[in-house]
Amino acid sequence: MIGVVLWRDETLTKAVIWCEDQGDLAFYTNEAGAEFQEFNPGDWVEFDLTISGNVRIAGNLAVLIEQGSPDLADRLSAEACAPTADAEDQTSGAVVPFPVQSAKKRGVSAPLQVRQR
């Protein structure tokens, strides 16, 4: 699975990842005794995905592109906080696109595509 790191806490050795399939977020916790891998919010990562109950767990992370989407968490927060035309209708929301253009400039494939609804 491929995703973008939204949040990381070195003290807690945890991270939250937005997955390419636009499903639930994946949660990463560093294994006890292992060195906390160097990655930051905005990095595109590849990882193994397992499901524990109804929680997606990321493991075996590898950074694909450093700072591939550095402002993604801020853009998602802004969209979540933006007032809608009909405040009672919370079933539809804006799709925040991944920066496909920046991936093309780097000469890599853009693994994170957003489908129009």
PDB file of N, CA and C in Angstrom:
ATOM      1  N   MET A   1       0.861  -1.173   0.000  1.00  0.00           N
ATOM      2  CA  MET A   1       0.000   0.000   0.000  1.00  0.00           C
ATOM      3  C   MET A   1       0.901   1.228   0.000  1.00  0.00           C
ATOM      4  N   ILE A   2       0.398   2.289  -0.576  1.00  0.00           N
ATOM      5  CA  ILE A   2       1.119   3.559  -0.614  1.00  0.00           C
ATOM      6  C   ILE A   2       0.253   4.607   0.060  1.00  0.00           C
ATOM      7  N   GLY A   3       0.901   5.543   0.750  1.00  0.00           N
ATOM      8  CA  GLY A   3       0.156   6.596   1.421  1.00  0.00           C
ATOM      9  C   GLY A   3       1.046   7.788   1.712  1.00  0.00           C
ATOM     10  N   VAL A   4       0.437   8.784   2.337  1.00  0.00           N
ATOM     11  CA  VAL A   4       1.137  10.010   2.709  1.00  0.00           C
ATOM     12  C   VAL A   4       1.076  10.146   4.224  1.00  0.00           C
ATOM     13  N   VAL A   5       2.219  10.410   4.845  1.00  0.00           N
ATOM     14  CA  VAL A   5       2.269  10.614   6.287  1.00  0.00           C
ATOM     15  C   VAL A   5       1.591  11.948   6.599  1.00  0.00           C
ATOM     16  N   LEU A   6       0.554  11.893   7.443  1.00  0.00           N
ATOM     17  CA  LEU A   6      -0.148  13.112   7.846  1.00  0.00           C
ATOM     18  C   LEU A   6       0.399  13.665   9.157  1.00  0.00           C
ATOM     19  N   TRP A   7       0.800  12.768  10.055  1.00  0.00           N
ATOM     20  CA  TRP A   7       1.228  13.163  11.390  1.00  0.00           C
ATOM     21  C   TRP A   7       2.256  12.150  11.893  1.00  0.00           C
ATOM     22  N   ARG A   8       3.207  12.651  12.657  1.00  0.00           N
ATOM     23  CA  ARG A   8       4.259  11.783  13.207  1.00  0.00           C
ATOM     24  C   ARG A   8       4.673  12.355  14.546  1.00  0.00           C
ATOM     25  N   ASP A   9       4.884  11.477  15.522  1.00  0.00           N
ATOM     26  CA  ASP A   9       5.364  11.896  16.836  1.00  0.00           C
ATOM     27  C   ASP A   9       6.522  10.994  17.216  1.00  0.00           C
ATOM     28  N   GLU A  10       7.716  11.567  17.228  1.00  0.00           N
ATOM     29  CA  GLU A  10       8.913  10.773  17.522  1.00  0.00           C
ATOM     30  C   GLU A  10       8.926  10.285  18.966  1.00  0.00           C
ATOM     31  N   THR A  11       8.424  11.106  19.896  1.00  0.00           N
ATOM     32  CA  THR A  11       8.393  10.707  21.306  1.00  0.00           C
ATOM     33  C   THR A  11       7.505   9.487  21.511  1.00  0.00           C
ATOM     34  N   LEU A  12       6.334   9.501  20.887  1.00  0.00           N
ATOM     35  CA  LEU A  12       5.407   8.373  21.005  1.00  0.00           C
ATOM     36  C   LEU A  12       5.732   7.255  20.026  1.00  0.00           C
ATOM     37  N   THR A  13       6.620   7.515  19.089  1.00  0.00           N
ATOM     38  CA  THR A  13       6.981   6.603  17.988  1.00  0.00           C
ATOM     39  C   THR A  13       5.737   6.116  17.237  1.00  0.00           C
ATOM     40  N   LYS A  14       4.899   7.077  16.858  1.00  0.00           N
ATOM     41  CA  LYS A  14       3.665   6.769  16.142  1.00  0.00           C
ATOM     42  C   LYS A  14       3.516   7.700  14.944  1.00  0.00           C
ATOM     43  N   ALA A  15       2.705   7.261  13.994  1.00  0.00           N
ATOM     44  CA  ALA A  15       2.405   8.082  12.825  1.00  0.00           C
ATOM     45  C   ALA A  15       1.016   7.717  12.305  1.00  0.00           C
ATOM     46  N   VAL A  16       0.431   8.644  11.555  1.00  0.00           N
ATOM     47  CA  VAL A  16      -0.866   8.434  10.907  1.00  0.00           C
ATOM     48  C   VAL A  16      -0.653   8.637   9.411  1.00  0.00           C
ATOM     49  N   ILE A  17      -1.207   7.729   8.615  1.00  0.00           N
ATOM     50  CA  ILE A  17      -0.981   7.729   7.158  1.00  0.00           C
ATOM     51  C   ILE A  17      -2.314   7.729   6.424  1.00  0.00           C
ATOM     52  N   TRP A  18      -2.414   8.623   5.410  1.00  0.00           N
ATOM     53  CA  TRP A  18      -3.569   8.643   4.516  1.00  0.00           C
ATOM     54  C   TRP A  18      -3.267   7.679   3.381  1.00  0.00           C
ATOM     55  N   CYS A  19      -4.112   6.680   3.192  1.00  0.00           N
ATOM     56  CA  CYS A  19      -3.863   5.611   2.229  1.00  0.00           C
ATOM     57  C   CYS A  19      -4.342   5.965   0.826  1.00  0.00           C
ATOM     58  N   GLU A  20      -3.652   5.392  -0.163  1.00  0.00           N
ATOM     59  CA  GLU A  20      -3.964   5.664  -1.567  1.00  0.00           C
ATOM     60  C   GLU A  20      -5.382   5.250  -1.960  1.00  0.00           C
ATOM     61  N   ASP A  21      -5.968   4.288  -1.257  1.00  0.00           N
ATOM     62  CA  ASP A  21      -7.313   3.842  -1.615  1.00  0.00           C
ATOM     63  C   ASP A  21      -8.403   4.743  -1.035  1.00  0.00           C
ATOM     64  N   GLN A  22      -8.002   5.825  -0.343  1.00  0.00           N
ATOM     65  CA  GLN A  22      -8.926   6.788   0.244  1.00  0.00           C
ATOM     66  C   GLN A  22      -9.820   6.158   1.311  1.00  0.00           C
ATOM     67  N   GLY A  23      -9.409   4.985   1.826  1.00  0.00           N
ATOM     68  CA  GLY A  23     -10.161   4.337   2.895  1.00  0.00           C
ATOM     69  C   GLY A  23      -9.773   4.923   4.239  1.00  0.00           C
ATOM     70  N   ASP A  24      -9.964   4.147   5.293  1.00  0.00           N
ATOM     71  CA  ASP A  24      -9.605   4.603   6.624  1.00  0.00           C
ATOM     72  C   ASP A  24      -8.112   4.882   6.711  1.00  0.00           C
ATOM     73  N   LEU A  25      -7.751   5.757   7.639  1.00  0.00           N
ATOM     74  CA  LEU A  25      -6.342   6.060   7.873  1.00  0.00           C
ATOM     75  C   LEU A  25      -5.641   4.816   8.415  1.00  0.00           C
ATOM     76  N   ALA A  26      -4.337   4.746   8.195  1.00  0.00           N
ATOM     77  CA  ALA A  26      -3.530   3.652   8.749  1.00  0.00           C
ATOM     78  C   ALA A  26      -2.680   4.226   9.884  1.00  0.00           C
ATOM     79  N   PHE A  27      -2.496   3.434  10.912  1.00  0.00           N
ATOM     80  CA  PHE A  27      -1.737   3.862  12.084  1.00  0.00           C
ATOM     81  C   PHE A  27      -0.454   3.047  12.184  1.00  0.00           C
ATOM     82  N   TYR A  28       0.639   3.759  12.409  1.00  0.00           N
ATOM     83  CA  TYR A  28       1.952   3.123  12.516  1.00  0.00           C
ATOM     84  C   TYR A  28       2.473   3.312  13.936  1.00  0.00           C
ATOM     85  N   THR A  29       2.951   2.244  14.535  1.00  0.00           N
ATOM     86  CA  THR A  29       3.631   2.306  15.827  1.00  0.00           C
ATOM     87  C   THR A  29       4.940   1.556  15.673  1.00  0.00           C
ATOM     88  N   ASN A  30       6.011   2.214  16.029  1.00  0.00           N
ATOM     89  CA  ASN A  30       7.321   1.597  15.920  1.00  0.00           C
ATOM     90  C   ASN A  30       7.415   0.416  16.886  1.00  0.00           C
ATOM     91  N   GLU A  31       8.057  -0.654  16.452  1.00  0.00           N
ATOM     92  CA  GLU A  31       8.241  -1.827  17.303  1.00  0.00           C
ATOM     93  C   GLU A  31       9.175  -1.485  18.458  1.00  0.00           C
ATOM     94  N   ALA A  32       8.889  -2.040  19.620  1.00  0.00           N
ATOM     95  CA  ALA A  32       9.702  -1.782  20.810  1.00  0.00           C
ATOM     96  C   ALA A  32      11.158  -2.138  20.560  1.00  0.00           C
ATOM     97  N   GLY A  33      12.046  -1.240  20.935  1.00  0.00           N
ATOM     98  CA  GLY A  33      13.481  -1.485  20.787  1.00  0.00           C
ATOM     99  C   GLY A  33      14.051  -1.140  19.429  1.00  0.00           C
ATOM    100  N   ALA A  34      13.202  -0.945  18.424  1.00  0.00           N
ATOM    101  CA  ALA A  34      13.692  -0.617  17.081  1.00  0.00           C
ATOM    102  C   ALA A  34      13.861   0.891  16.965  1.00  0.00           C
ATOM    103  N   GLU A  35      14.811   1.304  16.136  1.00  0.00           N
ATOM    104  CA  GLU A  35      15.021   2.726  15.887  1.00  0.00           C
ATOM    105  C   GLU A  35      13.837   3.275  15.099  1.00  0.00           C
ATOM    106  N   PHE A  36      13.342   4.453  15.506  1.00  0.00           N
ATOM    107  CA  PHE A  36      12.215   5.072  14.815  1.00  0.00           C
ATOM    108  C   PHE A  36      12.690   5.593  13.475  1.00  0.00           C
ATOM    109  N   GLN A  37      12.097   5.078  12.423  1.00  0.00           N
ATOM    110  CA  GLN A  37      12.504   5.408  11.060  1.00  0.00           C
ATOM    111  C   GLN A  37      12.342   6.896  10.775  1.00  0.00           C
ATOM    112  N   GLU A  38      13.228   7.425   9.970  1.00  0.00           N
ATOM    113  CA  GLU A  38      13.216   8.848   9.625  1.00  0.00           C
ATOM    114  C   GLU A  38      12.245   9.107   8.477  1.00  0.00           C
ATOM    115  N   PHE A  39      11.086   9.642   8.810  1.00  0.00           N
ATOM    116  CA  PHE A  39      10.122  10.115   7.821  1.00  0.00           C
ATOM    117  C   PHE A  39       9.347  11.251   8.464  1.00  0.00           C
ATOM    118  N   ASN A  40       8.709  12.068   7.641  1.00  0.00           N
ATOM    119  CA  ASN A  40       8.055  13.270   8.117  1.00  0.00           C
ATOM    120  C   ASN A  40       6.694  13.446   7.465  1.00  0.00           C
ATOM    121  N   PRO A  41       5.823  14.272   8.072  1.00  0.00           N
ATOM    122  CA  PRO A  41       4.549  14.565   7.412  1.00  0.00           C
ATOM    123  C   PRO A  41       4.792  15.091   5.995  1.00  0.00           C
ATOM    124  N   GLY A  42       4.008  14.563   5.067  1.00  0.00           N
ATOM    125  CA  GLY A  42       4.161  14.940   3.666  1.00  0.00           C
ATOM    126  C   GLY A  42       4.935  13.927   2.851  1.00  0.00           C
ATOM    127  N   ASP A  43       5.677  13.036   3.514  1.00  0.00           N
ATOM    128  CA  ASP A  43       6.428  12.004   2.789  1.00  0.00           C
ATOM    129  C   ASP A  43       5.470  10.942   2.253  1.00  0.00           C
ATOM    130  N   TRP A  44       5.729  10.489   1.029  1.00  0.00           N
ATOM    131  CA  TRP A  44       4.996   9.365   0.465  1.00  0.00           C
ATOM    132  C   TRP A  44       5.727   8.105   0.907  1.00  0.00           C
ATOM    133  N   VAL A  45       4.965   7.167   1.461  1.00  0.00           N
ATOM    134  CA  VAL A  45       5.557   5.939   1.974  1.00  0.00           C
ATOM    135  C   VAL A  45       4.848   4.723   1.402  1.00  0.00           C
ATOM    136  N   GLU A  46       5.601   3.652   1.339  1.00  0.00           N
ATOM    137  CA  GLU A  46       5.052   2.352   0.970  1.00  0.00           C
ATOM    138  C   GLU A  46       5.092   1.509   2.235  1.00  0.00           C
ATOM    139  N   PHE A  47       4.064   0.699   2.446  1.00  0.00           N
ATOM    140  CA  PHE A  47       3.997  -0.067   3.683  1.00  0.00           C
ATOM    141  C   PHE A  47       3.121  -1.295   3.516  1.00  0.00           C
ATOM    142  N   ASP A  48       3.287  -2.216   4.466  1.00  0.00           N
ATOM    143  CA  ASP A  48       2.426  -3.386   4.542  1.00  0.00           C
ATOM    144  C   ASP A  48       1.219  -2.998   5.383  1.00  0.00           C
ATOM    145  N   LEU A  49       0.046  -3.418   4.964  1.00  0.00           N
ATOM    146  CA  LEU A  49      -1.180  -3.067   5.665  1.00  0.00           C
ATOM    147  C   LEU A  49      -1.812  -4.319   6.246  1.00  0.00           C
ATOM    148  N   THR A  50      -2.122  -4.265   7.536  1.00  0.00           N
ATOM    149  CA  THR A  50      -2.872  -5.334   8.185  1.00  0.00           C
ATOM    150  C   THR A  50      -4.069  -4.703   8.876  1.00  0.00           C
ATOM    151  N   ILE A  51      -5.077  -5.514   9.103  1.00  0.00           N
ATOM    152  CA  ILE A  51      -6.287  -5.043   9.777  1.00  0.00           C
ATOM    153  C   ILE A  51      -6.353  -5.732  11.136  1.00  0.00           C
ATOM    154  N   SER A  52      -6.541  -4.934  12.183  1.00  0.00           N
ATOM    155  CA  SER A  52      -6.707  -5.459  13.533  1.00  0.00           C
ATOM    156  C   SER A  52      -8.028  -4.928  14.064  1.00  0.00           C
ATOM    157  N   GLY A  53      -9.027  -5.797  14.105  1.00  0.00           N
ATOM    158  CA  GLY A  53     -10.380  -5.337  14.439  1.00  0.00           C
ATOM    159  C   GLY A  53     -10.874  -4.480  13.300  1.00  0.00           C
ATOM    160  N   ASN A  54     -11.126  -3.207  13.575  1.00  0.00           N
ATOM    161  CA  ASN A  54     -11.526  -2.293  12.509  1.00  0.00           C
ATOM    162  C   ASN A  54     -10.479  -1.192  12.306  1.00  0.00           C
ATOM    163  N   VAL A  55      -9.243  -1.463  12.725  1.00  0.00           N
ATOM    164  CA  VAL A  55      -8.154  -0.491  12.614  1.00  0.00           C
ATOM    165  C   VAL A  55      -7.138  -0.974  11.586  1.00  0.00           C
ATOM    166  N   ARG A  56      -6.718  -0.061  10.706  1.00  0.00           N
ATOM    167  CA  ARG A  56      -5.691  -0.377   9.719  1.00  0.00           C
ATOM    168  C   ARG A  56      -4.328  -0.088  10.338  1.00  0.00           C
ATOM    169  N   ILE A  57      -3.451  -1.076  10.298  1.00  0.00           N
ATOM    170  CA  ILE A  57      -2.124  -0.969  10.886  1.00  0.00           C
ATOM    171  C   ILE A  57      -1.082  -0.989   9.770  1.00  0.00           C
ATOM    172  N   ALA A  58      -0.203   0.021   9.776  1.00  0.00           N
ATOM    173  CA  ALA A  58       0.884   0.110   8.799  1.00  0.00           C
ATOM    174  C   ALA A  58       2.144  -0.471   9.425  1.00  0.00           C
ATOM    175  N   GLY A  59       2.886  -1.217   8.636  1.00  0.00           N
ATOM    176  CA  GLY A  59       4.151  -1.776   9.093  1.00  0.00           C
ATOM    177  C   GLY A  59       5.147  -1.813   7.964  1.00  0.00           C
ATOM    178  N   ASN A  60       6.411  -1.967   8.313  1.00  0.00           N
ATOM    179  CA  ASN A  60       7.466  -2.101   7.312  1.00  0.00           C
ATOM    180  C   ASN A  60       7.478  -0.900   6.354  1.00  0.00           C
ATOM    181  N   LEU A  61       7.518   0.304   6.906  1.00  0.00           N
ATOM    182  CA  LEU A  61       7.487   1.526   6.099  1.00  0.00           C
ATOM    183  C   LEU A  61       8.773   1.757   5.327  1.00  0.00           C
ATOM    184  N   ALA A  62       8.627   2.287   4.116  1.00  0.00           N
ATOM    185  CA  ALA A  62       9.761   2.718   3.297  1.00  0.00           C
ATOM    186  C   ALA A  62       9.371   4.027   2.620  1.00  0.00           C
ATOM    187  N   VAL A  63      10.209   5.028   2.723  1.00  0.00           N
ATOM    188  CA  VAL A  63       9.928   6.329   2.113  1.00  0.00           C
ATOM    189  C   VAL A  63      10.151   6.236   0.605  1.00  0.00           C
ATOM    190  N   LEU A  64       9.139   6.641  -0.160  1.00  0.00           N
ATOM    191  CA  LEU A  64       9.238   6.670  -1.622  1.00  0.00           C
ATOM    192  C   LEU A  64       9.664   8.049  -2.101  1.00  0.00           C
ATOM    193  N   ILE A  65       8.992   9.094  -1.600  1.00  0.00           N
ATOM    194  CA  ILE A  65       9.286  10.468  -1.998  1.00  0.00           C
ATOM    195  C   ILE A  65       9.246  11.335  -0.752  1.00  0.00           C
ATOM    196  N   GLU A  66      10.367  11.978  -0.437  1.00  0.00           N
ATOM    197  CA  GLU A  66      10.383  12.893   0.690  1.00  0.00           C
ATOM    198  C   GLU A  66       9.637  14.159   0.309  1.00  0.00           C
ATOM    199  N   GLN A  67       8.775  14.594   1.209  1.00  0.00           N
ATOM    200  CA  GLN A  67       7.997  15.824   1.031  1.00  0.00           C
ATOM    201  C   GLN A  67       7.232  15.845  -0.293  1.00  0.00           C
ATOM    202  N   GLY A  68       6.649  14.708  -0.643  1.00  0.00           N
ATOM    203  CA  GLY A  68       5.844  14.634  -1.860  1.00  0.00           C
ATOM    204  C   GLY A  68       4.552  15.425  -1.761  1.00  0.00           C
ATOM    205  N   SER A  69       4.026  15.566  -0.552  1.00  0.00           N
ATOM    206  CA  SER A  69       2.786  16.324  -0.307  1.00  0.00           C
ATOM    207  C   SER A  69       2.922  17.044   1.031  1.00  0.00           C
ATOM    208  N   PRO A  70       3.818  18.032   1.120  1.00  0.00           N
ATOM    209  CA  PRO A  70       4.117  18.646   2.417  1.00  0.00           C
ATOM    210  C   PRO A  70       2.956  19.388   3.063  1.00  0.00           C
ATOM    211  N   ASP A  71       1.985  19.854   2.277  1.00  0.00           N
ATOM    212  CA  ASP A  71       0.877  20.616   2.851  1.00  0.00           C
ATOM    213  C   ASP A  71      -0.436  19.837   2.893  1.00  0.00           C
ATOM    214  N   LEU A  72      -0.383  18.530   2.688  1.00  0.00           N
ATOM    215  CA  LEU A  72      -1.603  17.733   2.610  1.00  0.00           C
ATOM    216  C   LEU A  72      -2.412  17.787   3.903  1.00  0.00           C
ATOM    217  N   ALA A  73      -1.788  17.613   5.047  1.00  0.00           N
ATOM    218  CA  ALA A  73      -2.517  17.637   6.320  1.00  0.00           C
ATOM    219  C   ALA A  73      -3.211  18.982   6.518  1.00  0.00           C
ATOM    220  N   ASP A  74      -2.535  20.069   6.192  1.00  0.00           N
ATOM    221  CA  ASP A  74      -3.134  21.402   6.324  1.00  0.00           C
ATOM    222  C   ASP A  74      -4.313  21.569   5.371  1.00  0.00           C
ATOM    223  N   ARG A  75      -4.177  21.073   4.142  1.00  0.00           N
ATOM    224  CA  ARG A  75      -5.269  21.182   3.168  1.00  0.00           C
ATOM    225  C   ARG A  75      -6.477  20.368   3.605  1.00  0.00           C
ATOM    226  N   LEU A  76      -6.240  19.177   4.154  1.00  0.00           N
ATOM    227  CA  LEU A  76      -7.340  18.349   4.641  1.00  0.00           C
ATOM    228  C   LEU A  76      -8.039  19.024   5.817  1.00  0.00           C
ATOM    229  N   SER A  77      -7.261  19.600   6.717  1.00  0.00           N
ATOM    230  CA  SER A  77      -7.839  20.309   7.864  1.00  0.00           C
ATOM    231  C   SER A  77      -8.670  21.494   7.402  1.00  0.00           C
ATOM    232  N   ALA A  78      -8.163  22.223   6.429  1.00  0.00           N
ATOM    233  CA  ALA A  78      -8.886  23.385   5.920  1.00  0.00           C
ATOM    234  C   ALA A  78     -10.210  22.960   5.289  1.00  0.00           C
ATOM    235  N   GLU A  79     -10.203  21.872   4.528  1.00  0.00           N
ATOM    236  CA  GLU A  79     -11.433  21.384   3.903  1.00  0.00           C
ATOM    237  C   GLU A  79     -12.425  20.912   4.957  1.00  0.00           C
ATOM    238  N   ALA A  80     -11.930  20.251   6.000  1.00  0.00           N
ATOM    239  CA  ALA A  80     -12.805  19.743   7.049  1.00  0.00           C
ATOM    240  C   ALA A  80     -13.453  20.872   7.833  1.00  0.00           C
ATOM    241  N   CYS A  81     -12.763  21.985   7.964  1.00  0.00           N
ATOM    242  CA  CYS A  81     -13.266  23.124   8.745  1.00  0.00           C
ATOM    243  C   CYS A  81     -14.031  24.138   7.906  1.00  0.00           C
ATOM    244  N   ALA A  82     -13.975  24.006   6.594  1.00  0.00           N
ATOM    245  CA  ALA A  82     -14.632  24.979   5.712  1.00  0.00           C
ATOM    246  C   ALA A  82     -16.150  24.839   5.822  1.00  0.00           C
ATOM    247  N   PRO A  83     -16.859  25.960   5.916  1.00  0.00           N
ATOM    248  CA  PRO A  83     -18.325  25.885   5.964  1.00  0.00           C
ATOM    249  C   PRO A  83     -18.867  25.414   4.617  1.00  0.00           C
ATOM    250  N   THR A  84     -19.923  24.628   4.657  1.00  0.00           N
ATOM    251  CA  THR A  84     -20.549  24.147   3.428  1.00  0.00           C
ATOM    252  C   THR A  84     -21.778  24.993   3.141  1.00  0.00           C
ATOM    253  N   ALA A  85     -22.274  24.911   1.920  1.00  0.00           N
ATOM    254  CA  ALA A  85     -23.473  25.665   1.541  1.00  0.00           C
ATOM    255  C   ALA A  85     -24.660  25.235   2.394  1.00  0.00           C
ATOM    256  N   ASP A  86     -24.764  23.965   2.693  1.00  0.00           N
ATOM    257  CA  ASP A  86     -25.834  23.431   3.535  1.00  0.00           C
ATOM    258  C   ASP A  86     -25.180  22.759   4.725  1.00  0.00           C
ATOM    259  N   ALA A  87     -25.095  23.466   5.843  1.00  0.00           N
ATOM    260  CA  ALA A  87     -24.387  22.958   7.023  1.00  0.00           C
ATOM    261  C   ALA A  87     -24.989  21.672   7.553  1.00  0.00           C
ATOM    262  N   GLU A  88     -26.268  21.398   7.263  1.00  0.00           N
ATOM    263  CA  GLU A  88     -26.896  20.181   7.759  1.00  0.00           C
ATOM    264  C   GLU A  88     -26.506  18.965   6.929  1.00  0.00           C
ATOM    265  N   ASP A  89     -26.114  19.180   5.681  1.00  0.00           N
ATOM    266  CA  ASP A  89     -25.750  18.075   4.798  1.00  0.00           C
ATOM    267  C   ASP A  89     -24.252  17.828   4.887  1.00  0.00           C
ATOM    268  N   GLN A  90     -23.857  16.909   5.744  1.00  0.00           N
ATOM    269  CA  GLN A  90     -22.443  16.588   5.929  1.00  0.00           C
ATOM    270  C   GLN A  90     -22.052  15.308   5.211  1.00  0.00           C
ATOM    271  N   THR A  91     -22.917  14.800   4.321  1.00  0.00           N
ATOM    272  CA  THR A  91     -22.627  13.552   3.629  1.00  0.00           C
ATOM    273  C   THR A  91     -21.719  13.740   2.436  1.00  0.00           C
ATOM    274  N   SER A  92     -21.638  14.934   1.902  1.00  0.00           N
ATOM    275  CA  SER A  92     -20.762  15.154   0.755  1.00  0.00           C
ATOM    276  C   SER A  92     -19.648  16.094   1.171  1.00  0.00           C
ATOM    277  N   GLY A  93     -18.503  15.916   0.590  1.00  0.00           N
ATOM    278  CA  GLY A  93     -17.375  16.767   0.910  1.00  0.00           C
ATOM    279  C   GLY A  93     -16.502  16.954  -0.306  1.00  0.00           C
ATOM    280  N   ALA A  94     -15.572  17.863  -0.174  1.00  0.00           N
ATOM    281  CA  ALA A  94     -14.653  18.131  -1.269  1.00  0.00           C
ATOM    282  C   ALA A  94     -13.567  17.067  -1.300  1.00  0.00           C
ATOM    283  N   VAL A  95     -13.109  16.758  -2.465  1.00  0.00           N
ATOM    284  CA  VAL A  95     -11.991  15.838  -2.623  1.00  0.00           C
ATOM    285  C   VAL A  95     -10.723  16.673  -2.732  1.00  0.00           C
ATOM    286  N   VAL A  96      -9.766  16.388  -1.883  1.00  0.00           N
ATOM    287  CA  VAL A  96      -8.490  17.090  -1.934  1.00  0.00           C
ATOM    288  C   VAL A  96      -7.564  16.263  -2.813  1.00  0.00           C
ATOM    289  N   PRO A  97      -7.187  16.786  -3.984  1.00  0.00           N
ATOM    290  CA  PRO A  97      -6.372  15.999  -4.911  1.00  0.00           C
ATOM    291  C   PRO A  97      -4.926  15.880  -4.447  1.00  0.00           C
ATOM    292  N   PHE A  98      -4.318  14.788  -4.785  1.00  0.00           N
ATOM    293  CA  PHE A  98      -2.898  14.623  -4.537  1.00  0.00           C
ATOM    294  C   PHE A  98      -2.141  15.389  -5.619  1.00  0.00           C
ATOM    295  N   PRO A  99      -0.946  15.855  -5.323  1.00  0.00           N
ATOM    296  CA  PRO A  99      -0.198  16.686  -6.274  1.00  0.00           C
ATOM    297  C   PRO A  99       0.415  15.861  -7.396  1.00  0.00           C
ATOM    298  N   VAL A 100      -0.403  15.478  -8.358  1.00  0.00           N
ATOM    299  CA  VAL A 100       0.068  14.657  -9.471  1.00  0.00           C
ATOM    300  C   VAL A 100       1.121  15.401 -10.284  1.00  0.00           C
ATOM    301  N   GLN A 101       0.954  16.706 -10.448  1.00  0.00           N
ATOM    302  CA  GLN A 101       1.905  17.477 -11.250  1.00  0.00           C
ATOM    303  C   GLN A 101       3.309  17.415 -10.671  1.00  0.00           C
ATOM    304  N   SER A 102       3.442  17.499  -9.346  1.00  0.00           N
ATOM    305  CA  SER A 102       4.779  17.460  -8.762  1.00  0.00           C
ATOM    306  C   SER A 102       5.417  16.091  -8.948  1.00  0.00           C
ATOM    307  N   ALA A 103       4.626  15.046  -8.972  1.00  0.00           N
ATOM    308  CA  ALA A 103       5.166  13.710  -9.215  1.00  0.00           C
ATOM    309  C   ALA A 103       5.688  13.605 -10.647  1.00  0.00           C
ATOM    310  N   LYS A 104       4.976  14.211 -11.597  1.00  0.00           N
ATOM    311  CA  LYS A 104       5.421  14.172 -12.995  1.00  0.00           C
ATOM    312  C   LYS A 104       6.737  14.920 -13.161  1.00  0.00           C
ATOM    313  N   LYS A 105       6.900  16.042 -12.440  1.00  0.00           N
ATOM    314  CA  LYS A 105       8.145  16.798 -12.525  1.00  0.00           C
ATOM    315  C   LYS A 105       9.323  15.991 -11.996  1.00  0.00           C
ATOM    316  N   ARG A 106       9.073  15.150 -10.993  1.00  0.00           N
ATOM    317  CA  ARG A 106      10.145  14.326 -10.415  1.00  0.00           C
ATOM    318  C   ARG A 106      10.448  13.102 -11.271  1.00  0.00           C
ATOM    319  N   GLY A 107       9.603  12.835 -12.251  1.00  0.00           N
ATOM    320  CA  GLY A 107       9.829  11.686 -13.119  1.00  0.00           C
ATOM    321  C   GLY A 107       9.446  10.371 -12.471  1.00  0.00           C
ATOM    322  N   VAL A 108       8.512  10.421 -11.511  1.00  0.00           N
ATOM    323  CA  VAL A 108       8.032   9.198 -10.874  1.00  0.00           C
ATOM    324  C   VAL A 108       6.555   9.060 -11.153  1.00  0.00           C
ATOM    325  N   SER A 109       6.068   7.849 -11.002  1.00  0.00           N
ATOM    326  CA  SER A 109       4.638   7.666 -11.189  1.00  0.00           C
ATOM    327  C   SER A 109       3.916   8.281 -10.006  1.00  0.00           C
ATOM    328  N   ALA A 110       2.706   8.712 -10.216  1.00  0.00           N
ATOM    329  CA  ALA A 110       1.895   9.292  -9.149  1.00  0.00           C
ATOM    330  C   ALA A 110       0.961   8.215  -8.629  1.00  0.00           C
ATOM    331  N   PRO A 111       1.365   7.498  -7.588  1.00  0.00           N
ATOM    332  CA  PRO A 111       0.573   6.360  -7.130  1.00  0.00           C
ATOM    333  C   PRO A 111      -0.729   6.764  -6.471  1.00  0.00           C
ATOM    334  N   LEU A 112      -0.869   8.016  -6.080  1.00  0.00           N
ATOM    335  CA  LEU A 112      -2.049   8.440  -5.361  1.00  0.00           C
ATOM    336  C   LEU A 112      -2.954   9.248  -6.284  1.00  0.00           C
ATOM    337  N   GLN A 113      -3.936   8.616  -6.824  1.00  0.00           N
ATOM    338  CA  GLN A 113      -4.869   9.257  -7.747  1.00  0.00           C
ATOM    339  C   GLN A 113      -6.217   9.430  -7.063  1.00  0.00           C
ATOM    340  N   VAL A 114      -6.905  10.502  -7.341  1.00  0.00           N
ATOM    341  CA  VAL A 114      -8.215  10.746  -6.787  1.00  0.00           C
ATOM    342  C   VAL A 114      -9.239  10.583  -7.895  1.00  0.00           C
ATOM    343  N   ARG A 115     -10.244   9.787  -7.627  1.00  0.00           N
ATOM    344  CA  ARG A 115     -11.307   9.597  -8.599  1.00  0.00           C
ATOM    345  C   ARG A 115     -12.405  10.616  -8.360  1.00  0.00           C
ATOM    346  N   GLN A 116     -12.941  11.206  -9.425  1.00  0.00           N
ATOM    347  CA  GLN A 116     -14.036  12.162  -9.310  1.00  0.00           C
ATOM    348  C   GLN A 116     -15.308  11.422  -8.942  1.00  0.00           C
ATOM    349  N   ARG A 117     -16.092  12.019  -8.086  1.00  0.00           N
ATOM    350  CA  ARG A 117     -17.362  11.394  -7.668  1.00  0.00           C
ATOM    351  C   ARG A 117     -18.523  12.067  -8.332  1.00  0.00           C
TER     352      ARG A 117
END
